[in-house]
Amino acid sequence: MKKINNFLILTILLTLFTACTKKTEASDLDKLRNSNNTKSYPAVQMDSMQAINSITKQKVQELLDLSTLTLVVTEIPK
């Protein structure tokens, strides 16, 4: 009986301890305020032709992805 009481008290204390720990997560505003945009720009400078080729490749890939999705959606039986 004494072991059960000690176990219950220990369990309650551990539960209270873990429940009372304050977990603060940064809000979206703080994330935006403290972020920097170094990842959004390429590390290497491109000339205009390289930039045009890169954008064209991205657009073609997006077009292929969308056409694949369209084919998949139209083939789903209703």
N, C-alpha and C. Protein backbone atom coordinates (compact mmCIF):
# COMPACT_ATOMS: atom_id res chain seq x y z
N MET A 1 0.82 -1.20 0.00
CA MET A 1 0.00 0.00 0.00
C MET A 1 0.87 1.26 0.00
N LYS A 2 1.95 1.20 0.76
CA LYS A 2 2.82 2.36 0.85
C LYS A 2 3.53 2.59 -0.50
N LYS A 3 3.88 1.48 -1.19
CA LYS A 3 4.53 1.61 -2.49
C LYS A 3 3.58 2.23 -3.50
N ILE A 4 2.32 1.85 -3.44
CA ILE A 4 1.33 2.39 -4.37
C ILE A 4 1.14 3.88 -4.13
N ASN A 5 1.06 4.27 -2.85
CA ASN A 5 0.91 5.70 -2.52
C ASN A 5 2.12 6.50 -2.99
N ASN A 6 3.31 5.96 -2.76
CA ASN A 6 4.53 6.66 -3.20
C ASN A 6 4.55 6.78 -4.72
N PHE A 7 4.13 5.70 -5.39
CA PHE A 7 4.10 5.73 -6.85
C PHE A 7 3.10 6.75 -7.36
N LEU A 8 1.93 6.81 -6.74
CA LEU A 8 0.93 7.79 -7.16
C LEU A 8 1.40 9.21 -6.92
N ILE A 9 2.00 9.46 -5.78
CA ILE A 9 2.51 10.80 -5.47
C ILE A 9 3.61 11.19 -6.46
N LEU A 10 4.50 10.25 -6.75
CA LEU A 10 5.57 10.52 -7.71
C LEU A 10 4.99 10.80 -9.10
N THR A 11 4.01 10.04 -9.50
CA THR A 11 3.38 10.23 -10.80
C THR A 11 2.69 11.59 -10.87
N ILE A 12 1.99 11.96 -9.81
CA ILE A 12 1.31 13.26 -9.78
C ILE A 12 2.32 14.40 -9.83
N LEU A 13 3.41 14.28 -9.08
CA LEU A 13 4.43 15.32 -9.08
C LEU A 13 5.10 15.45 -10.45
N LEU A 14 5.39 14.33 -11.09
CA LEU A 14 5.99 14.39 -12.42
C LEU A 14 5.04 15.00 -13.44
N THR A 15 3.76 14.65 -13.31
CA THR A 15 2.76 15.21 -14.22
C THR A 15 2.64 16.72 -14.03
N LEU A 16 2.62 17.17 -12.79
CA LEU A 16 2.55 18.60 -12.52
C LEU A 16 3.79 19.33 -13.03
N PHE A 17 4.94 18.70 -12.84
CA PHE A 17 6.19 19.32 -13.28
C PHE A 17 6.22 19.48 -14.80
N THR A 18 5.82 18.43 -15.51
CA THR A 18 5.85 18.52 -16.97
C THR A 18 4.75 19.43 -17.50
N ALA A 19 3.63 19.50 -16.80
CA ALA A 19 2.54 20.36 -17.25
C ALA A 19 2.84 21.84 -17.00
N CYS A 20 3.63 22.12 -15.99
CA CYS A 20 3.91 23.50 -15.63
C CYS A 20 5.09 24.11 -16.38
N THR A 21 5.85 23.31 -17.08
CA THR A 21 6.97 23.89 -17.81
C THR A 21 6.43 24.72 -18.95
N LYS A 22 6.90 25.94 -19.04
CA LYS A 22 6.38 26.87 -20.03
C LYS A 22 7.13 26.68 -21.34
N LYS A 23 6.38 26.36 -22.36
CA LYS A 23 6.97 26.18 -23.68
C LYS A 23 6.55 27.36 -24.53
N THR A 24 7.50 28.20 -24.82
CA THR A 24 7.19 29.38 -25.63
C THR A 24 7.68 29.13 -27.04
N GLU A 25 6.81 29.35 -27.99
CA GLU A 25 7.16 29.21 -29.39
C GLU A 25 7.03 30.59 -30.02
N ALA A 26 7.96 30.89 -30.86
CA ALA A 26 7.96 32.21 -31.49
C ALA A 26 6.74 32.37 -32.38
N SER A 27 6.13 33.53 -32.30
CA SER A 27 4.97 33.80 -33.14
C SER A 27 5.42 34.05 -34.58
N ASP A 28 4.47 34.06 -35.49
CA ASP A 28 4.79 34.30 -36.90
C ASP A 28 5.40 35.68 -37.10
N LEU A 29 4.93 36.64 -36.34
CA LEU A 29 5.47 37.99 -36.45
C LEU A 29 6.94 38.03 -36.02
N ASP A 30 7.26 37.33 -34.93
CA ASP A 30 8.65 37.28 -34.49
C ASP A 30 9.53 36.54 -35.49
N LYS A 31 8.98 35.48 -36.09
CA LYS A 31 9.76 34.75 -37.10
C LYS A 31 10.06 35.66 -38.28
N LEU A 32 9.07 36.43 -38.72
CA LEU A 32 9.30 37.34 -39.84
C LEU A 32 10.27 38.46 -39.47
N ARG A 33 10.13 38.96 -38.26
CA ARG A 33 10.98 40.07 -37.82
C ARG A 33 12.44 39.63 -37.72
N ASN A 34 12.68 38.40 -37.28
CA ASN A 34 14.04 37.94 -37.03
C ASN A 34 14.63 37.13 -38.18
N SER A 35 13.89 36.98 -39.26
CA SER A 35 14.41 36.18 -40.36
C SER A 35 15.21 37.05 -41.32
N ASN A 36 16.03 36.39 -42.09
CA ASN A 36 16.72 37.09 -43.16
C ASN A 36 16.48 36.32 -44.44
N ASN A 37 16.69 36.93 -45.54
CA ASN A 37 16.35 36.33 -46.82
C ASN A 37 17.58 35.82 -47.57
N THR A 38 18.58 35.35 -46.85
CA THR A 38 19.78 34.88 -47.53
C THR A 38 19.53 33.62 -48.34
N LYS A 39 18.55 32.81 -47.95
CA LYS A 39 18.28 31.58 -48.68
C LYS A 39 17.48 31.82 -49.95
N SER A 40 16.86 32.96 -50.08
CA SER A 40 16.02 33.20 -51.25
C SER A 40 16.81 33.68 -52.46
N TYR A 41 18.06 34.03 -52.27
CA TYR A 41 18.88 34.47 -53.39
C TYR A 41 19.98 33.45 -53.64
N PRO A 42 20.31 33.21 -54.90
CA PRO A 42 21.37 32.25 -55.18
C PRO A 42 22.72 32.77 -54.69
N ALA A 43 23.57 31.85 -54.33
CA ALA A 43 24.88 32.24 -53.81
C ALA A 43 25.78 32.76 -54.93
N VAL A 44 25.52 32.29 -56.14
CA VAL A 44 26.35 32.70 -57.27
C VAL A 44 25.58 33.72 -58.10
N GLN A 45 26.27 34.76 -58.50
CA GLN A 45 25.64 35.77 -59.35
C GLN A 45 25.50 35.21 -60.77
N MET A 46 24.32 35.42 -61.38
CA MET A 46 24.08 34.93 -62.73
C MET A 46 23.98 36.11 -63.68
N ASP A 47 24.41 35.87 -64.92
CA ASP A 47 24.17 36.89 -65.92
C ASP A 47 22.75 36.73 -66.45
N SER A 48 22.32 37.58 -67.34
CA SER A 48 20.92 37.60 -67.75
C SER A 48 20.52 36.31 -68.47
N MET A 49 21.39 35.74 -69.29
CA MET A 49 21.05 34.52 -70.01
C MET A 49 20.90 33.34 -69.05
N GLN A 50 21.77 33.26 -68.06
CA GLN A 50 21.66 32.18 -67.08
C GLN A 50 20.38 32.33 -66.28
N ALA A 51 20.02 33.56 -65.94
CA ALA A 51 18.79 33.79 -65.19
C ALA A 51 17.57 33.41 -66.03
N ILE A 52 17.58 33.78 -67.31
CA ILE A 52 16.47 33.43 -68.20
C ILE A 52 16.36 31.92 -68.34
N ASN A 53 17.48 31.24 -68.51
CA ASN A 53 17.46 29.78 -68.64
C ASN A 53 16.95 29.12 -67.36
N SER A 54 17.37 29.64 -66.22
CA SER A 54 16.92 29.07 -64.95
C SER A 54 15.42 29.24 -64.77
N ILE A 55 14.92 30.43 -65.07
CA ILE A 55 13.48 30.69 -64.94
C ILE A 55 12.69 29.84 -65.93
N THR A 56 13.22 29.69 -67.14
CA THR A 56 12.54 28.88 -68.15
C THR A 56 12.46 27.43 -67.71
N LYS A 57 13.55 26.89 -67.15
CA LYS A 57 13.54 25.51 -66.65
C LYS A 57 12.50 25.35 -65.54
N GLN A 58 12.43 26.32 -64.64
CA GLN A 58 11.45 26.24 -63.55
C GLN A 58 10.03 26.26 -64.10
N LYS A 59 9.76 27.13 -65.06
CA LYS A 59 8.42 27.24 -65.63
C LYS A 59 8.03 25.98 -66.40
N VAL A 60 8.97 25.41 -67.14
CA VAL A 60 8.70 24.17 -67.87
C VAL A 60 8.41 23.04 -66.89
N GLN A 61 9.18 22.98 -65.80
CA GLN A 61 8.94 21.95 -64.80
C GLN A 61 7.57 22.12 -64.16
N GLU A 62 7.18 23.35 -63.87
CA GLU A 62 5.85 23.60 -63.31
C GLU A 62 4.76 23.19 -64.29
N LEU A 63 4.97 23.48 -65.57
CA LEU A 63 3.99 23.09 -66.59
C LEU A 63 3.86 21.58 -66.69
N LEU A 64 4.98 20.88 -66.64
CA LEU A 64 4.95 19.41 -66.67
C LEU A 64 4.25 18.85 -65.43
N ASP A 65 4.53 19.42 -64.28
CA ASP A 65 3.87 18.97 -63.04
C ASP A 65 2.36 19.18 -63.12
N LEU A 66 1.95 20.35 -63.60
CA LEU A 66 0.52 20.64 -63.71
C LEU A 66 -0.16 19.74 -64.73
N SER A 67 0.50 19.46 -65.84
CA SER A 67 -0.11 18.59 -66.85
C SER A 67 -0.22 17.16 -66.32
N THR A 68 0.77 16.73 -65.56
CA THR A 68 0.70 15.40 -64.95
C THR A 68 -0.45 15.34 -63.95
N LEU A 69 -0.60 16.37 -63.15
CA LEU A 69 -1.70 16.40 -62.19
C LEU A 69 -3.05 16.42 -62.89
N THR A 70 -3.13 17.16 -64.00
CA THR A 70 -4.38 17.21 -64.75
C THR A 70 -4.74 15.85 -65.32
N LEU A 71 -3.73 15.14 -65.84
CA LEU A 71 -3.98 13.80 -66.37
C LEU A 71 -4.42 12.84 -65.27
N VAL A 72 -3.81 12.95 -64.11
CA VAL A 72 -4.16 12.08 -63.00
C VAL A 72 -5.57 12.37 -62.52
N VAL A 73 -5.93 13.65 -62.43
CA VAL A 73 -7.25 14.03 -61.92
C VAL A 73 -8.33 13.62 -62.91
N THR A 74 -8.09 13.76 -64.20
CA THR A 74 -9.11 13.41 -65.18
C THR A 74 -9.29 11.90 -65.33
N GLU A 75 -8.30 11.13 -64.94
CA GLU A 75 -8.39 9.67 -65.05
C GLU A 75 -9.02 9.03 -63.83
N ILE A 76 -9.27 9.78 -62.78
CA ILE A 76 -9.88 9.21 -61.59
C ILE A 76 -11.35 8.94 -61.87
N PRO A 77 -11.78 7.68 -61.72
CA PRO A 77 -13.20 7.39 -61.97
C PRO A 77 -14.09 8.00 -60.91
N LYS A 78 -15.24 8.46 -61.34
CA LYS A 78 -16.17 9.10 -60.41
C LYS A 78 -17.32 8.20 -60.07
